[in-house]
N, C-alpha and C. Protein backbone atom coordinates (compact mmCIF):
# COMPACT_ATOMS: atom_id res chain seq x y z
N MET A 1 49.61 0.74 17.39
CA MET A 1 49.10 0.48 15.93
C MET A 1 48.61 -1.35 15.98
N THR A 2 47.79 -1.03 14.86
CA THR A 2 47.55 -2.14 14.60
C THR A 2 48.05 -3.13 13.56
N SER A 3 48.20 -4.41 13.97
CA SER A 3 48.93 -5.56 12.95
C SER A 3 48.46 -5.42 11.68
N LYS A 4 48.96 -5.57 10.54
CA LYS A 4 48.75 -5.66 9.37
C LYS A 4 48.60 -7.12 8.96
N ALA A 5 47.86 -7.89 8.49
CA ALA A 5 48.38 -9.27 8.18
C ALA A 5 49.06 -9.35 7.02
N THR A 6 49.82 -11.06 7.15
CA THR A 6 50.60 -11.49 6.29
C THR A 6 50.32 -11.86 4.88
N SER A 7 50.66 -12.27 4.11
CA SER A 7 49.64 -12.61 2.69
C SER A 7 48.91 -13.97 2.80
N THR A 8 49.39 -14.82 3.78
CA THR A 8 48.82 -15.57 4.45
C THR A 8 47.47 -15.30 5.68
N GLU A 9 47.88 -14.95 6.46
CA GLU A 9 47.23 -14.54 7.39
C GLU A 9 45.50 -13.56 7.05
N ALA A 10 44.50 -13.77 7.81
CA ALA A 10 43.49 -13.58 7.91
C ALA A 10 44.14 -12.08 7.95
N PRO A 11 42.98 -10.84 8.08
CA PRO A 11 43.96 -9.31 8.40
C PRO A 11 43.43 -9.67 10.07
N THR A 12 43.77 -8.75 10.69
CA THR A 12 43.34 -9.02 12.78
C THR A 12 42.53 -7.25 12.95
N ASP A 13 42.93 -6.25 12.21
CA ASP A 13 42.59 -4.97 12.52
C ASP A 13 40.82 -5.28 12.05
N SER A 14 39.90 -4.93 12.80
CA SER A 14 38.73 -5.14 12.98
C SER A 14 37.96 -4.29 11.52
N GLY A 15 38.49 -3.35 11.17
CA GLY A 15 38.28 -2.66 9.92
C GLY A 15 38.74 -3.87 8.62
N ASP A 16 39.58 -4.21 8.86
CA ASP A 16 40.21 -4.99 7.62
C ASP A 16 39.69 -6.07 8.18
N THR A 17 39.35 -6.36 9.00
CA THR A 17 38.50 -8.47 9.37
C THR A 17 37.02 -7.96 8.10
N GLU A 18 36.15 -6.96 8.61
CA GLU A 18 35.44 -6.41 8.19
C GLU A 18 35.40 -6.56 6.42
N ALA A 19 36.06 -6.11 5.76
CA ALA A 19 36.77 -6.10 4.45
C ALA A 19 36.67 -7.64 4.04
N TYR A 20 37.46 -8.09 4.73
CA TYR A 20 37.79 -9.18 4.50
C TYR A 20 36.84 -10.52 4.24
N GLN A 21 35.89 -9.97 5.19
CA GLN A 21 35.07 -11.23 5.31
C GLN A 21 34.19 -10.48 4.02
N GLN A 22 33.93 -9.84 3.70
CA GLN A 22 32.61 -9.20 2.48
C GLN A 22 33.71 -10.33 1.21
N ALA A 23 34.75 -9.56 1.58
CA ALA A 23 35.82 -10.03 0.41
C ALA A 23 35.39 -11.85 -0.07
N ILE A 24 35.42 -12.68 1.53
CA ILE A 24 35.37 -14.05 0.77
C ILE A 24 33.57 -14.61 0.84
N GLN A 25 32.41 -13.41 1.11
CA GLN A 25 31.61 -13.46 0.97
C GLN A 25 31.67 -13.86 -0.66
N LEU A 26 31.88 -12.56 -1.44
CA LEU A 26 31.53 -12.27 -2.65
C LEU A 26 32.31 -13.80 -3.22
N LEU A 27 34.07 -13.79 -3.00
CA LEU A 27 34.30 -14.99 -3.78
C LEU A 27 33.22 -16.35 -3.21
N HIS A 28 32.68 -16.40 -2.53
CA HIS A 28 31.64 -17.52 -2.41
C HIS A 28 30.12 -17.68 -3.28
N ALA A 29 30.09 -16.34 -3.25
CA ALA A 29 28.65 -16.20 -4.31
C ALA A 29 28.99 -16.67 -5.51
N CYS A 30 29.87 -16.10 -5.70
CA CYS A 30 30.76 -16.51 -7.34
C CYS A 30 31.63 -17.45 -7.85
N SER A 31 31.03 -18.64 -6.57
CA SER A 31 31.36 -19.91 -6.70
C SER A 31 30.14 -20.85 -7.54
N THR A 32 30.93 -21.41 -8.15
CA THR A 32 29.66 -22.38 -8.87
C THR A 32 30.14 -23.90 -9.19
N GLU A 33 29.32 -24.43 -9.59
CA GLU A 33 29.97 -26.04 -9.68
C GLU A 33 31.09 -26.04 -10.92
N ASP A 34 30.92 -25.24 -11.94
CA ASP A 34 32.22 -24.98 -13.13
C ASP A 34 33.07 -23.81 -12.79
N GLY A 35 33.08 -23.43 -11.79
CA GLY A 35 34.40 -22.85 -11.27
C GLY A 35 33.97 -21.38 -10.98
N PHE A 36 34.03 -20.04 -10.66
CA PHE A 36 34.44 -19.25 -10.34
C PHE A 36 33.90 -18.28 -11.62
N LEU A 37 32.50 -17.64 -11.14
CA LEU A 37 32.11 -16.42 -12.23
C LEU A 37 32.51 -15.12 -12.16
N ALA A 38 32.62 -14.46 -12.95
CA ALA A 38 33.55 -13.33 -13.28
C ALA A 38 32.54 -12.14 -12.52
N SER A 39 31.15 -12.39 -12.48
CA SER A 39 30.29 -11.29 -11.93
C SER A 39 29.31 -12.58 -11.46
N ARG A 40 28.64 -12.09 -10.80
CA ARG A 40 27.52 -12.26 -10.03
C ARG A 40 26.31 -12.09 -10.57
N THR A 41 26.44 -10.93 -11.33
CA THR A 41 24.82 -9.93 -11.85
C THR A 41 25.04 -11.08 -13.78
N GLU A 42 23.85 -10.34 -13.84
CA GLU A 42 23.22 -11.08 -15.00
C GLU A 42 23.69 -10.19 -16.34
N ARG A 43 24.99 -9.03 -15.82
CA ARG A 43 25.00 -8.22 -16.95
C ARG A 43 25.82 -8.73 -18.05
N ASP A 44 25.52 -8.13 -19.27
CA ASP A 44 26.45 -8.87 -20.37
C ASP A 44 26.69 -10.12 -20.47
N ASN A 45 28.56 -9.94 -20.77
CA ASN A 45 28.58 -11.33 -20.86
C ASN A 45 29.92 -11.67 -19.38
N TYR A 46 29.37 -11.25 -18.33
CA TYR A 46 30.52 -11.63 -17.31
C TYR A 46 29.48 -13.00 -16.46
N ARG A 47 29.17 -13.20 -17.01
CA ARG A 47 28.40 -14.34 -15.70
C ARG A 47 28.68 -15.29 -16.27
N ARG A 48 29.83 -15.95 -16.52
CA ARG A 48 30.80 -17.13 -17.25
C ARG A 48 32.26 -17.37 -16.48
N VAL A 49 31.82 -18.49 -16.40
CA VAL A 49 33.63 -18.97 -15.99
C VAL A 49 35.09 -18.22 -17.18
N TRP A 50 35.35 -17.37 -16.73
CA TRP A 50 36.47 -16.94 -16.90
C TRP A 50 38.08 -17.11 -17.18
N ALA A 51 38.76 -17.46 -18.39
CA ALA A 51 40.14 -18.20 -17.94
C ALA A 51 41.08 -17.43 -16.86
N ARG A 52 41.18 -15.89 -16.95
CA ARG A 52 41.82 -14.55 -16.83
C ARG A 52 41.30 -14.49 -14.67
N ASP A 53 39.97 -14.56 -14.93
CA ASP A 53 39.36 -14.21 -13.68
C ASP A 53 39.13 -15.44 -13.44
N GLY A 54 39.05 -16.25 -13.80
CA GLY A 54 39.19 -17.33 -12.73
C GLY A 54 40.73 -17.72 -11.86
N VAL A 55 41.50 -17.65 -13.06
CA VAL A 55 43.30 -17.14 -12.36
C VAL A 55 43.37 -16.27 -11.02
N ILE A 56 42.83 -15.48 -11.84
CA ILE A 56 42.88 -14.15 -9.91
C ILE A 56 42.26 -14.49 -8.93
N VAL A 57 41.23 -14.67 -9.48
CA VAL A 57 40.23 -15.20 -8.33
C VAL A 57 40.64 -16.00 -7.47
N GLY A 58 41.65 -17.09 -8.38
CA GLY A 58 41.87 -18.57 -7.60
C GLY A 58 43.31 -18.20 -6.98
N LEU A 59 43.94 -16.96 -7.22
CA LEU A 59 45.26 -16.63 -6.30
C LEU A 59 44.67 -16.06 -4.82
N ALA A 60 43.17 -15.51 -4.44
CA ALA A 60 42.55 -14.94 -3.65
C ALA A 60 42.18 -16.69 -3.03
N ALA A 61 41.52 -17.49 -3.19
CA ALA A 61 41.23 -18.50 -2.86
C ALA A 61 42.29 -19.37 -2.19
N LEU A 62 43.04 -19.36 -2.66
CA LEU A 62 44.64 -20.04 -2.39
C LEU A 62 45.01 -19.42 -1.34
N MET A 63 45.26 -17.92 -1.18
CA MET A 63 45.64 -17.30 -0.05
C MET A 63 44.67 -17.17 0.96
N SER A 64 43.48 -17.34 0.66
CA SER A 64 42.36 -17.23 1.56
C SER A 64 41.99 -18.85 2.85
N GLN A 65 42.87 -19.33 2.48
CA GLN A 65 43.00 -20.63 2.53
C GLN A 65 41.60 -21.40 3.03
N ASP A 66 40.58 -21.37 2.16
CA ASP A 66 39.40 -21.64 2.13
C ASP A 66 38.96 -23.18 1.33
N GLN A 67 39.17 -24.01 2.19
CA GLN A 67 39.12 -25.29 1.22
C GLN A 67 37.78 -25.74 -0.01
N ASP A 68 36.56 -24.83 0.68
CA ASP A 68 35.83 -24.72 -0.40
C ASP A 68 35.84 -23.70 -1.42
N LEU A 69 36.67 -22.53 -1.53
CA LEU A 69 36.85 -21.94 -2.58
C LEU A 69 38.07 -22.52 -3.41
N ILE A 70 39.10 -23.37 -2.82
CA ILE A 70 40.17 -23.89 -3.59
C ILE A 70 39.32 -24.55 -4.52
N VAL A 71 38.60 -26.30 -4.08
CA VAL A 71 37.98 -27.01 -4.84
C VAL A 71 37.39 -26.09 -5.30
N THR A 72 36.27 -24.97 -5.37
CA THR A 72 36.35 -24.17 -6.70
C THR A 72 37.13 -23.70 -7.67
N LEU A 73 38.37 -23.42 -7.38
CA LEU A 73 39.52 -23.05 -8.31
C LEU A 73 39.48 -24.50 -8.76
N CYS A 74 39.46 -25.36 -8.19
CA CYS A 74 40.21 -26.78 -9.13
C CYS A 74 39.05 -27.10 -10.56
N LEU A 75 37.64 -27.32 -10.44
CA LEU A 75 36.73 -26.73 -10.67
C LEU A 75 36.67 -26.09 -12.25
N CYS A 76 37.00 -25.12 -11.73
CA CYS A 76 37.31 -23.91 -12.73
C CYS A 76 38.26 -24.19 -13.73
N HIS A 77 39.04 -24.77 -13.42
CA HIS A 77 40.57 -25.35 -13.62
C HIS A 77 40.19 -26.35 -14.64
N ASN A 78 39.08 -27.09 -14.83
CA ASN A 78 38.51 -28.34 -15.16
C ASN A 78 37.79 -27.82 -16.37
N SER A 79 37.06 -27.05 -15.95
CA SER A 79 36.12 -26.39 -16.92
C SER A 79 36.58 -25.56 -18.08
N ILE A 80 37.75 -25.04 -17.65
CA ILE A 80 38.53 -24.45 -18.55
C ILE A 80 39.55 -24.99 -19.47
N PHE A 81 40.07 -25.65 -18.49
CA PHE A 81 40.90 -26.84 -19.97
C PHE A 81 40.00 -28.14 -20.82
N SER A 82 38.13 -28.26 -20.53
CA SER A 82 37.95 -28.91 -21.05
C SER A 82 37.91 -28.68 -22.65
N GLU A 83 37.84 -26.80 -22.41
CA GLU A 83 37.24 -26.59 -23.80
C GLU A 83 38.59 -26.29 -24.61
N ILE A 84 40.18 -26.64 -24.29
CA ILE A 84 40.80 -26.37 -24.84
C ILE A 84 40.95 -26.50 -26.12
N GLY A 85 41.14 -26.30 -27.68
CA GLY A 85 41.01 -27.32 -28.91
C GLY A 85 42.34 -27.83 -29.32
N ARG A 86 42.23 -28.69 -29.97
CA ARG A 86 43.56 -29.39 -30.33
C ARG A 86 44.41 -28.49 -30.85
N ASP A 87 44.41 -27.62 -30.97
CA ASP A 87 45.65 -26.47 -31.58
C ASP A 87 46.25 -25.52 -30.36
N ALA A 88 45.52 -25.86 -28.87
CA ALA A 88 46.36 -25.25 -27.47
C ALA A 88 45.33 -24.62 -27.05
N LEU A 89 44.42 -23.89 -27.90
CA LEU A 89 43.84 -22.18 -28.36
C LEU A 89 42.65 -22.51 -27.72
N PHE A 90 42.14 -21.92 -26.87
CA PHE A 90 40.74 -21.50 -26.08
C PHE A 90 39.93 -21.58 -27.43
N ASN A 91 39.04 -21.98 -28.03
CA ASN A 91 37.92 -21.67 -29.16
C ASN A 91 36.97 -21.18 -29.04
N LEU A 92 36.34 -19.95 -29.68
CA LEU A 92 34.88 -19.43 -29.53
C LEU A 92 33.75 -20.05 -29.88
N VAL A 93 34.23 -21.17 -30.46
CA VAL A 93 32.96 -22.13 -29.91
C VAL A 93 32.48 -22.73 -29.05
N CYS A 94 33.48 -22.56 -28.02
CA CYS A 94 32.89 -23.13 -27.07
C CYS A 94 32.00 -22.46 -26.53
N GLN A 95 31.51 -21.32 -26.52
CA GLN A 95 29.96 -20.47 -25.85
C GLN A 95 28.88 -21.18 -26.60
N GLN A 96 28.84 -21.38 -27.73
CA GLN A 96 28.01 -22.06 -28.31
C GLN A 96 27.19 -23.33 -27.66
N THR A 97 28.87 -24.26 -27.46
CA THR A 97 28.59 -25.49 -27.07
C THR A 97 28.66 -25.66 -25.81
N TYR A 98 29.02 -25.10 -24.75
CA TYR A 98 28.98 -24.99 -22.98
C TYR A 98 28.93 -23.41 -22.79
N PRO A 99 27.65 -22.71 -22.83
CA PRO A 99 27.71 -21.34 -22.45
C PRO A 99 27.89 -20.99 -21.28
N LYS A 100 28.21 -21.63 -20.40
CA LYS A 100 29.03 -21.59 -18.97
C LYS A 100 30.25 -20.97 -18.69
N VAL A 101 31.42 -21.16 -20.15
CA VAL A 101 32.27 -21.01 -19.79
C VAL A 101 32.97 -20.16 -20.84
N ALA A 102 33.58 -18.97 -20.85
CA ALA A 102 33.73 -18.18 -22.16
C ALA A 102 35.00 -18.75 -22.59
N CYS A 103 35.78 -19.15 -23.81
CA CYS A 103 36.75 -18.90 -23.99
C CYS A 103 37.06 -18.59 -25.07
N TRP A 104 38.25 -17.71 -24.78
CA TRP A 104 39.02 -16.81 -26.12
C TRP A 104 40.06 -17.14 -26.27
């Protein structure tokens, strides 16, 4: 019987290890100086830093314990929180003023 990874350990099964490595590579591919992109493709409106996606990917970054990904999570938060309006809401206006971050 193969052992499965706990929530904070990398997988040990060879099939799981390959999938894990592919997932980590994808996280790195979506990492930018502004945070995690929702998609690395140029399709529609997904090549932006989104609050929801950044948090979900950020959880994976924390669980991976990869320091570069954790730094990207911090950059993501900085980008998103720099766009909060005076009413504590994310403004649609930021799409024109800061096109790298999508705020809703």
